mmCIF file of all heavy atoms, coordinates in Angstrom:
data_MODEL
# 
_entry.id   MODEL 
# 
loop_
_atom_site.group_PDB 
_atom_site.id 
_atom_site.type_symbol 
_atom_site.label_atom_id 
_atom_site.label_alt_id 
_atom_site.label_comp_id 
_atom_site.label_asym_id 
_atom_site.label_entity_id 
_atom_site.label_seq_id 
_atom_site.pdbx_PDB_ins_code 
_atom_site.Cartn_x 
_atom_site.Cartn_y 
_atom_site.Cartn_z 
_atom_site.occupancy 
_atom_site.B_iso_or_equiv 
_atom_site.pdbx_formal_charge 
_atom_site.auth_seq_id 
_atom_site.auth_comp_id 
_atom_site.auth_asym_id 
_atom_site.auth_atom_id 
_atom_site.pdbx_PDB_model_num 
ATOM 1   N N   . MET A 1 1  ? 22.732 -24.502 -26.870 1.00 0.00 ? 1  MET A N   1 
ATOM 2   C CA  . MET A 1 1  ? 22.870 -24.017 -25.496 1.00 0.00 ? 1  MET A CA  1 
ATOM 3   C C   . MET A 1 1  ? 21.521 -23.876 -24.801 1.00 0.00 ? 1  MET A C   1 
ATOM 4   O O   . MET A 1 1  ? 21.395 -24.190 -23.617 1.00 0.00 ? 1  MET A O   1 
ATOM 5   C CB  . MET A 1 1  ? 23.666 -22.708 -25.441 1.00 0.00 ? 1  MET A CB  1 
ATOM 6   C CG  . MET A 1 1  ? 23.145 -21.560 -26.258 1.00 0.00 ? 1  MET A CG  1 
ATOM 7   S SD  . MET A 1 1  ? 23.907 -21.591 -27.885 1.00 0.00 ? 1  MET A SD  1 
ATOM 8   C CE  . MET A 1 1  ? 23.163 -20.144 -28.622 1.00 0.00 ? 1  MET A CE  1 
ATOM 9   N N   . MET A 1 2  ? 20.490 -23.477 -25.530 1.00 0.00 ? 2  MET A N   1 
ATOM 10  C CA  . MET A 1 2  ? 19.169 -23.360 -24.918 1.00 0.00 ? 2  MET A CA  1 
ATOM 11  C C   . MET A 1 2  ? 18.520 -24.738 -24.798 1.00 0.00 ? 2  MET A C   1 
ATOM 12  O O   . MET A 1 2  ? 17.965 -25.064 -23.744 1.00 0.00 ? 2  MET A O   1 
ATOM 13  C CB  . MET A 1 2  ? 18.270 -22.427 -25.716 1.00 0.00 ? 2  MET A CB  1 
ATOM 14  C CG  . MET A 1 2  ? 16.877 -22.317 -25.123 1.00 0.00 ? 2  MET A CG  1 
ATOM 15  S SD  . MET A 1 2  ? 15.877 -21.080 -25.913 1.00 0.00 ? 2  MET A SD  1 
ATOM 16  C CE  . MET A 1 2  ? 15.732 -19.931 -24.562 1.00 0.00 ? 2  MET A CE  1 
ATOM 17  N N   . THR A 1 3  ? 18.592 -25.532 -25.829 1.00 0.00 ? 3  THR A N   1 
ATOM 18  C CA  . THR A 1 3  ? 17.963 -26.854 -25.825 1.00 0.00 ? 3  THR A CA  1 
ATOM 19  C C   . THR A 1 3  ? 18.476 -27.709 -24.677 1.00 0.00 ? 3  THR A C   1 
ATOM 20  O O   . THR A 1 3  ? 17.693 -28.283 -23.909 1.00 0.00 ? 3  THR A O   1 
ATOM 21  C CB  . THR A 1 3  ? 18.223 -27.565 -27.168 1.00 0.00 ? 3  THR A CB  1 
ATOM 22  O OG1 . THR A 1 3  ? 17.732 -26.729 -28.233 1.00 0.00 ? 3  THR A OG1 1 
ATOM 23  C CG2 . THR A 1 3  ? 17.558 -28.913 -27.227 1.00 0.00 ? 3  THR A CG2 1 
ATOM 24  N N   . ILE A 1 4  ? 19.772 -27.793 -24.529 1.00 0.00 ? 4  ILE A N   1 
ATOM 25  C CA  . ILE A 1 4  ? 20.389 -28.609 -23.470 1.00 0.00 ? 4  ILE A CA  1 
ATOM 26  C C   . ILE A 1 4  ? 20.029 -28.056 -22.085 1.00 0.00 ? 4  ILE A C   1 
ATOM 27  O O   . ILE A 1 4  ? 19.663 -28.811 -21.177 1.00 0.00 ? 4  ILE A O   1 
ATOM 28  C CB  . ILE A 1 4  ? 21.920 -28.678 -23.659 1.00 0.00 ? 4  ILE A CB  1 
ATOM 29  C CG1 . ILE A 1 4  ? 22.253 -29.450 -24.929 1.00 0.00 ? 4  ILE A CG1 1 
ATOM 30  C CG2 . ILE A 1 4  ? 22.589 -29.306 -22.436 1.00 0.00 ? 4  ILE A CG2 1 
ATOM 31  C CD1 . ILE A 1 4  ? 23.700 -29.324 -25.378 1.00 0.00 ? 4  ILE A CD1 1 
ATOM 32  N N   . SER A 1 5  ? 20.108 -26.743 -21.948 1.00 0.00 ? 5  SER A N   1 
ATOM 33  C CA  . SER A 1 5  ? 19.819 -26.116 -20.647 1.00 0.00 ? 5  SER A CA  1 
ATOM 34  C C   . SER A 1 5  ? 18.367 -26.338 -20.231 1.00 0.00 ? 5  SER A C   1 
ATOM 35  O O   . SER A 1 5  ? 18.083 -26.619 -19.061 1.00 0.00 ? 5  SER A O   1 
ATOM 36  C CB  . SER A 1 5  ? 20.125 -24.617 -20.702 1.00 0.00 ? 5  SER A CB  1 
ATOM 37  O OG  . SER A 1 5  ? 21.495 -24.411 -20.957 1.00 0.00 ? 5  SER A OG  1 
ATOM 38  N N   . MET A 1 6  ? 17.438 -26.232 -21.173 1.00 0.00 ? 6  MET A N   1 
ATOM 39  C CA  . MET A 1 6  ? 16.027 -26.421 -20.840 1.00 0.00 ? 6  MET A CA  1 
ATOM 40  C C   . MET A 1 6  ? 15.740 -27.877 -20.472 1.00 0.00 ? 6  MET A C   1 
ATOM 41  O O   . MET A 1 6  ? 14.929 -28.149 -19.582 1.00 0.00 ? 6  MET A O   1 
ATOM 42  C CB  . MET A 1 6  ? 15.136 -25.959 -21.990 1.00 0.00 ? 6  MET A CB  1 
ATOM 43  C CG  . MET A 1 6  ? 15.201 -24.455 -22.229 1.00 0.00 ? 6  MET A CG  1 
ATOM 44  S SD  . MET A 1 6  ? 14.996 -23.432 -20.742 1.00 0.00 ? 6  MET A SD  1 
ATOM 45  C CE  . MET A 1 6  ? 13.325 -23.824 -20.277 1.00 0.00 ? 6  MET A CE  1 
ATOM 46  N N   . LYS A 1 7  ? 16.414 -28.816 -21.112 1.00 0.00 ? 7  LYS A N   1 
ATOM 47  C CA  . LYS A 1 7  ? 16.240 -30.220 -20.732 1.00 0.00 ? 7  LYS A CA  1 
ATOM 48  C C   . LYS A 1 7  ? 16.754 -30.465 -19.317 1.00 0.00 ? 7  LYS A C   1 
ATOM 49  O O   . LYS A 1 7  ? 16.153 -31.230 -18.562 1.00 0.00 ? 7  LYS A O   1 
ATOM 50  C CB  . LYS A 1 7  ? 16.939 -31.135 -21.739 1.00 0.00 ? 7  LYS A CB  1 
ATOM 51  C CG  . LYS A 1 7  ? 16.186 -31.253 -23.042 1.00 0.00 ? 7  LYS A CG  1 
ATOM 52  C CD  . LYS A 1 7  ? 16.849 -32.192 -24.014 1.00 0.00 ? 7  LYS A CD  1 
ATOM 53  C CE  . LYS A 1 7  ? 16.031 -32.243 -25.293 1.00 0.00 ? 7  LYS A CE  1 
ATOM 54  N NZ  . LYS A 1 7  ? 16.602 -33.116 -26.292 1.00 0.00 ? 7  LYS A NZ  1 
ATOM 55  N N   . GLU A 1 8  ? 17.853 -29.821 -18.962 1.00 0.00 ? 8  GLU A N   1 
ATOM 56  C CA  . GLU A 1 8  ? 18.367 -29.940 -17.586 1.00 0.00 ? 8  GLU A CA  1 
ATOM 57  C C   . GLU A 1 8  ? 17.359 -29.378 -16.583 1.00 0.00 ? 8  GLU A C   1 
ATOM 58  O O   . GLU A 1 8  ? 17.101 -29.995 -15.554 1.00 0.00 ? 8  GLU A O   1 
ATOM 59  C CB  . GLU A 1 8  ? 19.689 -29.178 -17.437 1.00 0.00 ? 8  GLU A CB  1 
ATOM 60  C CG  . GLU A 1 8  ? 20.884 -29.930 -17.917 1.00 0.00 ? 8  GLU A CG  1 
ATOM 61  C CD  . GLU A 1 8  ? 22.178 -29.171 -17.658 1.00 0.00 ? 8  GLU A CD  1 
ATOM 62  O OE1 . GLU A 1 8  ? 22.161 -28.113 -16.971 1.00 0.00 ? 8  GLU A OE1 1 
ATOM 63  O OE2 . GLU A 1 8  ? 23.215 -29.631 -18.157 1.00 0.00 ? 8  GLU A OE2 1 
ATOM 64  N N   . ILE A 1 9  ? 16.812 -28.219 -16.884 1.00 0.00 ? 9  ILE A N   1 
ATOM 65  C CA  . ILE A 1 9  ? 15.820 -27.600 -15.994 1.00 0.00 ? 9  ILE A CA  1 
ATOM 66  C C   . ILE A 1 9  ? 14.611 -28.525 -15.847 1.00 0.00 ? 9  ILE A C   1 
ATOM 67  O O   . ILE A 1 9  ? 14.093 -28.703 -14.741 1.00 0.00 ? 9  ILE A O   1 
ATOM 68  C CB  . ILE A 1 9  ? 15.395 -26.208 -16.521 1.00 0.00 ? 9  ILE A CB  1 
ATOM 69  C CG1 . ILE A 1 9  ? 16.529 -25.192 -16.347 1.00 0.00 ? 9  ILE A CG1 1 
ATOM 70  C CG2 . ILE A 1 9  ? 14.119 -25.708 -15.845 1.00 0.00 ? 9  ILE A CG2 1 
ATOM 71  C CD1 . ILE A 1 9  ? 16.851 -24.820 -14.913 1.00 0.00 ? 9  ILE A CD1 1 
ATOM 72  N N   . GLU A 1 10 ? 14.154 -29.116 -16.931 1.00 0.00 ? 10 GLU A N   1 
ATOM 73  C CA  . GLU A 1 10 ? 13.009 -30.037 -16.864 1.00 0.00 ? 10 GLU A CA  1 
ATOM 74  C C   . GLU A 1 10 ? 13.300 -31.223 -15.951 1.00 0.00 ? 10 GLU A C   1 
ATOM 75  O O   . GLU A 1 10 ? 12.429 -31.663 -15.211 1.00 0.00 ? 10 GLU A O   1 
ATOM 76  C CB  . GLU A 1 10 ? 12.641 -30.537 -18.264 1.00 0.00 ? 10 GLU A CB  1 
ATOM 77  C CG  . GLU A 1 10 ? 11.938 -29.496 -19.101 1.00 0.00 ? 10 GLU A CG  1 
ATOM 78  C CD  . GLU A 1 10 ? 11.646 -29.980 -20.505 1.00 0.00 ? 10 GLU A CD  1 
ATOM 79  O OE1 . GLU A 1 10 ? 11.586 -31.221 -20.732 1.00 0.00 ? 10 GLU A OE1 1 
ATOM 80  O OE2 . GLU A 1 10 ? 11.480 -29.130 -21.390 1.00 0.00 ? 10 GLU A OE2 1 
ATOM 81  N N   . ARG A 1 11 ? 14.517 -31.734 -15.994 1.00 0.00 ? 11 ARG A N   1 
ATOM 82  C CA  . ARG A 1 11 ? 14.886 -32.857 -15.120 1.00 0.00 ? 11 ARG A CA  1 
ATOM 83  C C   . ARG A 1 11 ? 14.940 -32.423 -13.655 1.00 0.00 ? 11 ARG A C   1 
ATOM 84  O O   . ARG A 1 11 ? 14.617 -33.191 -12.756 1.00 0.00 ? 11 ARG A O   1 
ATOM 85  C CB  . ARG A 1 11 ? 16.233 -33.443 -15.530 1.00 0.00 ? 11 ARG A CB  1 
ATOM 86  C CG  . ARG A 1 11 ? 16.170 -34.357 -16.729 1.00 0.00 ? 11 ARG A CG  1 
ATOM 87  C CD  . ARG A 1 11 ? 17.451 -35.153 -16.903 1.00 0.00 ? 11 ARG A CD  1 
ATOM 88  N NE  . ARG A 1 11 ? 18.640 -34.331 -16.990 1.00 0.00 ? 11 ARG A NE  1 
ATOM 89  C CZ  . ARG A 1 11 ? 19.148 -33.834 -18.126 1.00 0.00 ? 11 ARG A CZ  1 
ATOM 90  N NH1 . ARG A 1 11 ? 18.559 -34.073 -19.266 1.00 0.00 ? 11 ARG A NH1 1 
ATOM 91  N NH2 . ARG A 1 11 ? 20.243 -33.097 -18.099 1.00 0.00 ? 11 ARG A NH2 1 
ATOM 92  N N   . GLU A 1 12 ? 15.384 -31.203 -13.400 1.00 0.00 ? 12 GLU A N   1 
ATOM 93  C CA  . GLU A 1 12 ? 15.530 -30.696 -12.038 1.00 0.00 ? 12 GLU A CA  1 
ATOM 94  C C   . GLU A 1 12 ? 14.214 -30.184 -11.456 1.00 0.00 ? 12 GLU A C   1 
ATOM 95  O O   . GLU A 1 12 ? 14.087 -30.034 -10.241 1.00 0.00 ? 12 GLU A O   1 
ATOM 96  C CB  . GLU A 1 12 ? 16.559 -29.557 -12.016 1.00 0.00 ? 12 GLU A CB  1 
ATOM 97  C CG  . GLU A 1 12 ? 17.955 -29.990 -12.418 1.00 0.00 ? 12 GLU A CG  1 
ATOM 98  C CD  . GLU A 1 12 ? 18.897 -28.807 -12.673 1.00 0.00 ? 12 GLU A CD  1 
ATOM 99  O OE1 . GLU A 1 12 ? 18.439 -27.642 -12.625 1.00 0.00 ? 12 GLU A OE1 1 
ATOM 100 O OE2 . GLU A 1 12 ? 20.077 -29.059 -12.930 1.00 0.00 ? 12 GLU A OE2 1 
ATOM 101 N N   . LEU A 1 13 ? 13.245 -29.910 -12.302 1.00 0.00 ? 13 LEU A N   1 
ATOM 102 C CA  . LEU A 1 13 ? 12.000 -29.259 -11.895 1.00 0.00 ? 13 LEU A CA  1 
ATOM 103 C C   . LEU A 1 13 ? 11.262 -29.950 -10.750 1.00 0.00 ? 13 LEU A C   1 
ATOM 104 O O   . LEU A 1 13 ? 10.861 -29.273 -9.798  1.00 0.00 ? 13 LEU A O   1 
ATOM 105 C CB  . LEU A 1 13 ? 11.081 -29.099 -13.110 1.00 0.00 ? 13 LEU A CB  1 
ATOM 106 C CG  . LEU A 1 13 ? 9.911  -28.152 -12.958 1.00 0.00 ? 13 LEU A CG  1 
ATOM 107 C CD1 . LEU A 1 13 ? 10.384 -26.749 -12.628 1.00 0.00 ? 13 LEU A CD1 1 
ATOM 108 C CD2 . LEU A 1 13 ? 9.084  -28.140 -14.227 1.00 0.00 ? 13 LEU A CD2 1 
ATOM 109 N N   . PRO A 1 14 ? 11.076 -31.274 -10.780 1.00 0.00 ? 14 PRO A N   1 
ATOM 110 C CA  . PRO A 1 14 ? 10.346 -31.904 -9.669  1.00 0.00 ? 14 PRO A CA  1 
ATOM 111 C C   . PRO A 1 14 ? 10.971 -31.629 -8.298  1.00 0.00 ? 14 PRO A C   1 
ATOM 112 O O   . PRO A 1 14 ? 10.260 -31.375 -7.330  1.00 0.00 ? 14 PRO A O   1 
ATOM 113 C CB  . PRO A 1 14 ? 10.388 -33.396 -10.011 1.00 0.00 ? 14 PRO A CB  1 
ATOM 114 C CG  . PRO A 1 14 ? 10.542 -33.434 -11.492 1.00 0.00 ? 14 PRO A CG  1 
ATOM 115 C CD  . PRO A 1 14 ? 11.406 -32.248 -11.820 1.00 0.00 ? 14 PRO A CD  1 
ATOM 116 N N   . LYS A 1 15 ? 12.291 -31.653 -8.220  1.00 0.00 ? 15 LYS A N   1 
ATOM 117 C CA  . LYS A 1 15 ? 12.986 -31.397 -6.953  1.00 0.00 ? 15 LYS A CA  1 
ATOM 118 C C   . LYS A 1 15 ? 12.729 -29.967 -6.482  1.00 0.00 ? 15 LYS A C   1 
ATOM 119 O O   . LYS A 1 15 ? 12.420 -29.730 -5.312  1.00 0.00 ? 15 LYS A O   1 
ATOM 120 C CB  . LYS A 1 15 ? 14.484 -31.644 -7.133  1.00 0.00 ? 15 LYS A CB  1 
ATOM 121 C CG  . LYS A 1 15 ? 15.336 -31.308 -5.922  1.00 0.00 ? 15 LYS A CG  1 
ATOM 122 C CD  . LYS A 1 15 ? 16.807 -31.561 -6.184  1.00 0.00 ? 15 LYS A CD  1 
ATOM 123 C CE  . LYS A 1 15 ? 17.335 -30.556 -7.189  1.00 0.00 ? 15 LYS A CE  1 
ATOM 124 N NZ  . LYS A 1 15 ? 18.766 -30.596 -7.421  1.00 0.00 ? 15 LYS A NZ  1 
ATOM 125 N N   . PHE A 1 16 ? 12.822 -29.004 -7.398  1.00 0.00 ? 16 PHE A N   1 
ATOM 126 C CA  . PHE A 1 16 ? 12.625 -27.607 -7.028  1.00 0.00 ? 16 PHE A CA  1 
ATOM 127 C C   . PHE A 1 16 ? 11.178 -27.321 -6.642  1.00 0.00 ? 16 PHE A C   1 
ATOM 128 O O   . PHE A 1 16 ? 10.920 -26.607 -5.679  1.00 0.00 ? 16 PHE A O   1 
ATOM 129 C CB  . PHE A 1 16 ? 13.047 -26.674 -8.165  1.00 0.00 ? 16 PHE A CB  1 
ATOM 130 C CG  . PHE A 1 16 ? 14.525 -26.657 -8.405  1.00 0.00 ? 16 PHE A CG  1 
ATOM 131 C CD1 . PHE A 1 16 ? 15.034 -26.981 -9.648  1.00 0.00 ? 16 PHE A CD1 1 
ATOM 132 C CD2 . PHE A 1 16 ? 15.409 -26.323 -7.391  1.00 0.00 ? 16 PHE A CD2 1 
ATOM 133 C CE1 . PHE A 1 16 ? 16.393 -26.984 -9.874  1.00 0.00 ? 16 PHE A CE1 1 
ATOM 134 C CE2 . PHE A 1 16 ? 16.777 -26.310 -7.610  1.00 0.00 ? 16 PHE A CE2 1 
ATOM 135 C CZ  . PHE A 1 16 ? 17.269 -26.634 -8.854  1.00 0.00 ? 16 PHE A CZ  1 
ATOM 136 N N   . ILE A 1 17 ? 10.245 -27.876 -7.395  1.00 0.00 ? 17 ILE A N   1 
ATOM 137 C CA  . ILE A 1 17 ? 8.842  -27.592 -7.100  1.00 0.00 ? 17 ILE A CA  1 
ATOM 138 C C   . ILE A 1 17 ? 8.433  -28.206 -5.768  1.00 0.00 ? 17 ILE A C   1 
ATOM 139 O O   . ILE A 1 17 ? 7.684  -27.598 -5.004  1.00 0.00 ? 17 ILE A O   1 
ATOM 140 C CB  . ILE A 1 17 ? 7.906  -28.024 -8.253  1.00 0.00 ? 17 ILE A CB  1 
ATOM 141 C CG1 . ILE A 1 17 ? 6.588  -27.261 -8.125  1.00 0.00 ? 17 ILE A CG1 1 
ATOM 142 C CG2 . ILE A 1 17 ? 7.666  -29.496 -8.291  1.00 0.00 ? 17 ILE A CG2 1 
ATOM 143 C CD1 . ILE A 1 17 ? 5.761  -27.250 -9.379  1.00 0.00 ? 17 ILE A CD1 1 
ATOM 144 N N   . GLU A 1 18 ? 8.956  -29.381 -5.458  1.00 0.00 ? 18 GLU A N   1 
ATOM 145 C CA  . GLU A 1 18 ? 8.643  -29.999 -4.167  1.00 0.00 ? 18 GLU A CA  1 
ATOM 146 C C   . GLU A 1 18 ? 9.153  -29.125 -3.020  1.00 0.00 ? 18 GLU A C   1 
ATOM 147 O O   . GLU A 1 18 ? 8.441  -28.868 -2.048  1.00 0.00 ? 18 GLU A O   1 
ATOM 148 C CB  . GLU A 1 18 ? 9.252  -31.392 -4.075  1.00 0.00 ? 18 GLU A CB  1 
ATOM 149 C CG  . GLU A 1 18 ? 8.928  -32.097 -2.781  1.00 0.00 ? 18 GLU A CG  1 
ATOM 150 C CD  . GLU A 1 18 ? 9.527  -33.490 -2.698  1.00 0.00 ? 18 GLU A CD  1 
ATOM 151 O OE1 . GLU A 1 18 ? 9.876  -34.075 -3.731  1.00 0.00 ? 18 GLU A OE1 1 
ATOM 152 O OE2 . GLU A 1 18 ? 9.648  -33.981 -1.568  1.00 0.00 ? 18 GLU A OE2 1 
ATOM 153 N N   . LYS A 1 19 ? 10.375 -28.642 -3.159  1.00 0.00 ? 19 LYS A N   1 
ATOM 154 C CA  . LYS A 1 19 ? 10.958 -27.782 -2.125  1.00 0.00 ? 19 LYS A CA  1 
ATOM 155 C C   . LYS A 1 19 ? 10.126 -26.511 -1.948  1.00 0.00 ? 19 LYS A C   1 
ATOM 156 O O   . LYS A 1 19 ? 9.821  -26.106 -0.823  1.00 0.00 ? 19 LYS A O   1 
ATOM 157 C CB  . LYS A 1 19 ? 12.395 -27.423 -2.520  1.00 0.00 ? 19 LYS A CB  1 
ATOM 158 C CG  . LYS A 1 19 ? 13.080 -26.490 -1.558  1.00 0.00 ? 19 LYS A CG  1 
ATOM 159 C CD  . LYS A 1 19 ? 14.468 -26.128 -2.050  1.00 0.00 ? 19 LYS A CD  1 
ATOM 160 C CE  . LYS A 1 19 ? 15.067 -25.057 -1.165  1.00 0.00 ? 19 LYS A CE  1 
ATOM 161 N NZ  . LYS A 1 19 ? 15.955 -24.178 -1.870  1.00 0.00 ? 19 LYS A NZ  1 
ATOM 162 N N   . LYS A 1 20 ? 9.735  -25.891 -3.049  1.00 0.00 ? 20 LYS A N   1 
ATOM 163 C CA  . LYS A 1 20 ? 8.959  -24.653 -2.979  1.00 0.00 ? 20 LYS A CA  1 
ATOM 164 C C   . LYS A 1 20 ? 7.557  -24.898 -2.425  1.00 0.00 ? 20 LYS A C   1 
ATOM 165 O O   . LYS A 1 20 ? 7.019  -24.055 -1.715  1.00 0.00 ? 20 LYS A O   1 
ATOM 166 C CB  . LYS A 1 20 ? 8.881  -23.992 -4.350  1.00 0.00 ? 20 LYS A CB  1 
ATOM 167 C CG  . LYS A 1 20 ? 10.195 -23.413 -4.797  1.00 0.00 ? 20 LYS A CG  1 
ATOM 168 C CD  . LYS A 1 20 ? 10.609 -22.291 -3.872  1.00 0.00 ? 20 LYS A CD  1 
ATOM 169 C CE  . LYS A 1 20 ? 11.868 -21.625 -4.322  1.00 0.00 ? 20 LYS A CE  1 
ATOM 170 N NZ  . LYS A 1 20 ? 12.258 -20.543 -3.433  1.00 0.00 ? 20 LYS A NZ  1 
ATOM 171 N N   . GLN A 1 21 ? 6.963  -26.043 -2.740  1.00 0.00 ? 21 GLN A N   1 
ATOM 172 C CA  . GLN A 1 21 ? 5.640  -26.365 -2.203  1.00 0.00 ? 21 GLN A CA  1 
ATOM 173 C C   . GLN A 1 21 ? 5.695  -26.525 -0.689  1.00 0.00 ? 21 GLN A C   1 
ATOM 174 O O   . GLN A 1 21 ? 4.812  -26.044 0.026   1.00 0.00 ? 21 GLN A O   1 
ATOM 175 C CB  . GLN A 1 21 ? 5.093  -27.645 -2.837  1.00 0.00 ? 21 GLN A CB  1 
ATOM 176 C CG  . GLN A 1 21 ? 4.617  -27.467 -4.247  1.00 0.00 ? 21 GLN A CG  1 
ATOM 177 C CD  . GLN A 1 21 ? 4.240  -28.793 -4.886  1.00 0.00 ? 21 GLN A CD  1 
ATOM 178 O OE1 . GLN A 1 21 ? 4.760  -29.847 -4.542  1.00 0.00 ? 21 GLN A OE1 1 
ATOM 179 N NE2 . GLN A 1 21 ? 3.343  -28.735 -5.838  1.00 0.00 ? 21 GLN A NE2 1 
ATOM 180 N N   . VAL A 1 22 ? 6.732  -27.180 -0.199  1.00 0.00 ? 22 VAL A N   1 
ATOM 181 C CA  . VAL A 1 22 ? 6.889  -27.358 1.246   1.00 0.00 ? 22 VAL A CA  1 
ATOM 182 C C   . VAL A 1 22 ? 7.047  -25.994 1.915   1.00 0.00 ? 22 VAL A C   1 
ATOM 183 O O   . VAL A 1 22 ? 6.427  -25.725 2.948   1.00 0.00 ? 22 VAL A O   1 
ATOM 184 C CB  . VAL A 1 22 ? 8.091  -28.283 1.557   1.00 0.00 ? 22 VAL A CB  1 
ATOM 185 C CG1 . VAL A 1 22 ? 8.460  -28.244 3.034   1.00 0.00 ? 22 VAL A CG1 1 
ATOM 186 C CG2 . VAL A 1 22 ? 7.775  -29.711 1.124   1.00 0.00 ? 22 VAL A CG2 1 
ATOM 187 N N   . GLU A 1 23 ? 7.839  -25.106 1.306   1.00 0.00 ? 23 GLU A N   1 
ATOM 188 C CA  . GLU A 1 23 ? 8.015  -23.765 1.858   1.00 0.00 ? 23 GLU A CA  1 
ATOM 189 C C   . GLU A 1 23 ? 6.682  -23.020 1.909   1.00 0.00 ? 23 GLU A C   1 
ATOM 190 O O   . GLU A 1 23 ? 6.355  -22.378 2.910   1.00 0.00 ? 23 GLU A O   1 
ATOM 191 C CB  . GLU A 1 23 ? 9.012  -22.960 1.018   1.00 0.00 ? 23 GLU A CB  1 
ATOM 192 C CG  . GLU A 1 23 ? 10.441 -23.405 1.173   1.00 0.00 ? 23 GLU A CG  1 
ATOM 193 C CD  . GLU A 1 23 ? 11.386 -22.678 0.213   1.00 0.00 ? 23 GLU A CD  1 
ATOM 194 O OE1 . GLU A 1 23 ? 10.964 -21.692 -0.446  1.00 0.00 ? 23 GLU A OE1 1 
ATOM 195 O OE2 . GLU A 1 23 ? 12.550 -23.112 0.112   1.00 0.00 ? 23 GLU A OE2 1 
ATOM 196 N N   . LEU A 1 24 ? 5.893  -23.116 0.837   1.00 0.00 ? 24 LEU A N   1 
ATOM 197 C CA  . LEU A 1 24 ? 4.590  -22.447 0.796   1.00 0.00 ? 24 LEU A CA  1 
ATOM 198 C C   . LEU A 1 24 ? 3.659  -23.005 1.868   1.00 0.00 ? 24 LEU A C   1 
ATOM 199 O O   . LEU A 1 24 ? 3.013  -22.243 2.587   1.00 0.00 ? 24 LEU A O   1 
ATOM 200 C CB  . LEU A 1 24 ? 3.950  -22.591 -0.582  1.00 0.00 ? 24 LEU A CB  1 
ATOM 201 C CG  . LEU A 1 24 ? 2.528  -22.022 -0.718  1.00 0.00 ? 24 LEU A CG  1 
ATOM 202 C CD1 . LEU A 1 24 ? 2.531  -20.515 -0.497  1.00 0.00 ? 24 LEU A CD1 1 
ATOM 203 C CD2 . LEU A 1 24 ? 1.934  -22.384 -2.062  1.00 0.00 ? 24 LEU A CD2 1 
ATOM 204 N N   . LEU A 1 25 ? 3.596  -24.322 1.982   1.00 0.00 ? 25 LEU A N   1 
ATOM 205 C CA  . LEU A 1 25 ? 2.730  -24.928 2.997   1.00 0.00 ? 25 LEU A CA  1 
ATOM 206 C C   . LEU A 1 25 ? 3.152  -24.515 4.406   1.00 0.00 ? 25 LEU A C   1 
ATOM 207 O O   . LEU A 1 25 ? 2.306  -24.220 5.252   1.00 0.00 ? 25 LEU A O   1 
ATOM 208 C CB  . LEU A 1 25 ? 2.729  -26.450 2.868   1.00 0.00 ? 25 LEU A CB  1 
ATOM 209 C CG  . LEU A 1 25 ? 1.931  -27.006 1.696   1.00 0.00 ? 25 LEU A CG  1 
ATOM 210 C CD1 . LEU A 1 25 ? 2.155  -28.503 1.566   1.00 0.00 ? 25 LEU A CD1 1 
ATOM 211 C CD2 . LEU A 1 25 ? 0.453  -26.692 1.843   1.00 0.00 ? 25 LEU A CD2 1 
ATOM 212 N N   . ASN A 1 26 ? 4.445  -24.477 4.660   1.00 0.00 ? 26 ASN A N   1 
ATOM 213 C CA  . ASN A 1 26 ? 4.925  -24.028 5.971   1.00 0.00 ? 26 ASN A CA  1 
ATOM 214 C C   . ASN A 1 26 ? 4.513  -22.587 6.238   1.00 0.00 ? 26 ASN A C   1 
ATOM 215 O O   . ASN A 1 26 ? 4.102  -22.245 7.349   1.00 0.00 ? 26 ASN A O   1 
ATOM 216 C CB  . ASN A 1 26 ? 6.446  -24.165 6.079   1.00 0.00 ? 26 ASN A CB  1 
ATOM 217 C CG  . ASN A 1 26 ? 6.877  -25.596 6.303   1.00 0.00 ? 26 ASN A CG  1 
ATOM 218 O OD1 . ASN A 1 26 ? 6.124  -26.406 6.831   1.00 0.00 ? 26 ASN A OD1 1 
ATOM 219 N ND2 . ASN A 1 26 ? 8.097  -25.912 5.890   1.00 0.00 ? 26 ASN A ND2 1 
ATOM 220 N N   . GLN A 1 27 ? 4.606  -21.730 5.234   1.00 0.00 ? 27 GLN A N   1 
ATOM 221 C CA  . GLN A 1 27 ? 4.205  -20.345 5.397   1.00 0.00 ? 27 GLN A CA  1 
ATOM 222 C C   . GLN A 1 27 ? 2.718  -20.250 5.688   1.00 0.00 ? 27 GLN A C   1 
ATOM 223 O O   . GLN A 1 27 ? 2.293  -19.503 6.572   1.00 0.00 ? 27 GLN A O   1 
ATOM 224 C CB  . GLN A 1 27 ? 4.546  -19.525 4.143   1.00 0.00 ? 27 GLN A CB  1 
ATOM 225 C CG  . GLN A 1 27 ? 6.025  -19.306 3.965   1.00 0.00 ? 27 GLN A CG  1 
ATOM 226 C CD  . GLN A 1 27 ? 6.349  -18.686 2.616   1.00 0.00 ? 27 GLN A CD  1 
ATOM 227 O OE1 . GLN A 1 27 ? 5.503  -18.594 1.740   1.00 0.00 ? 27 GLN A OE1 1 
ATOM 228 N NE2 . GLN A 1 27 ? 7.593  -18.266 2.459   1.00 0.00 ? 27 GLN A NE2 1 
# 
């Protein structure tokens, strides 16, 4: 359950970090 979930998070990470970076730059 942890191994699979962490692999999913790793795949999703670029999308989330890009969104958060844009929010930070806008701020």
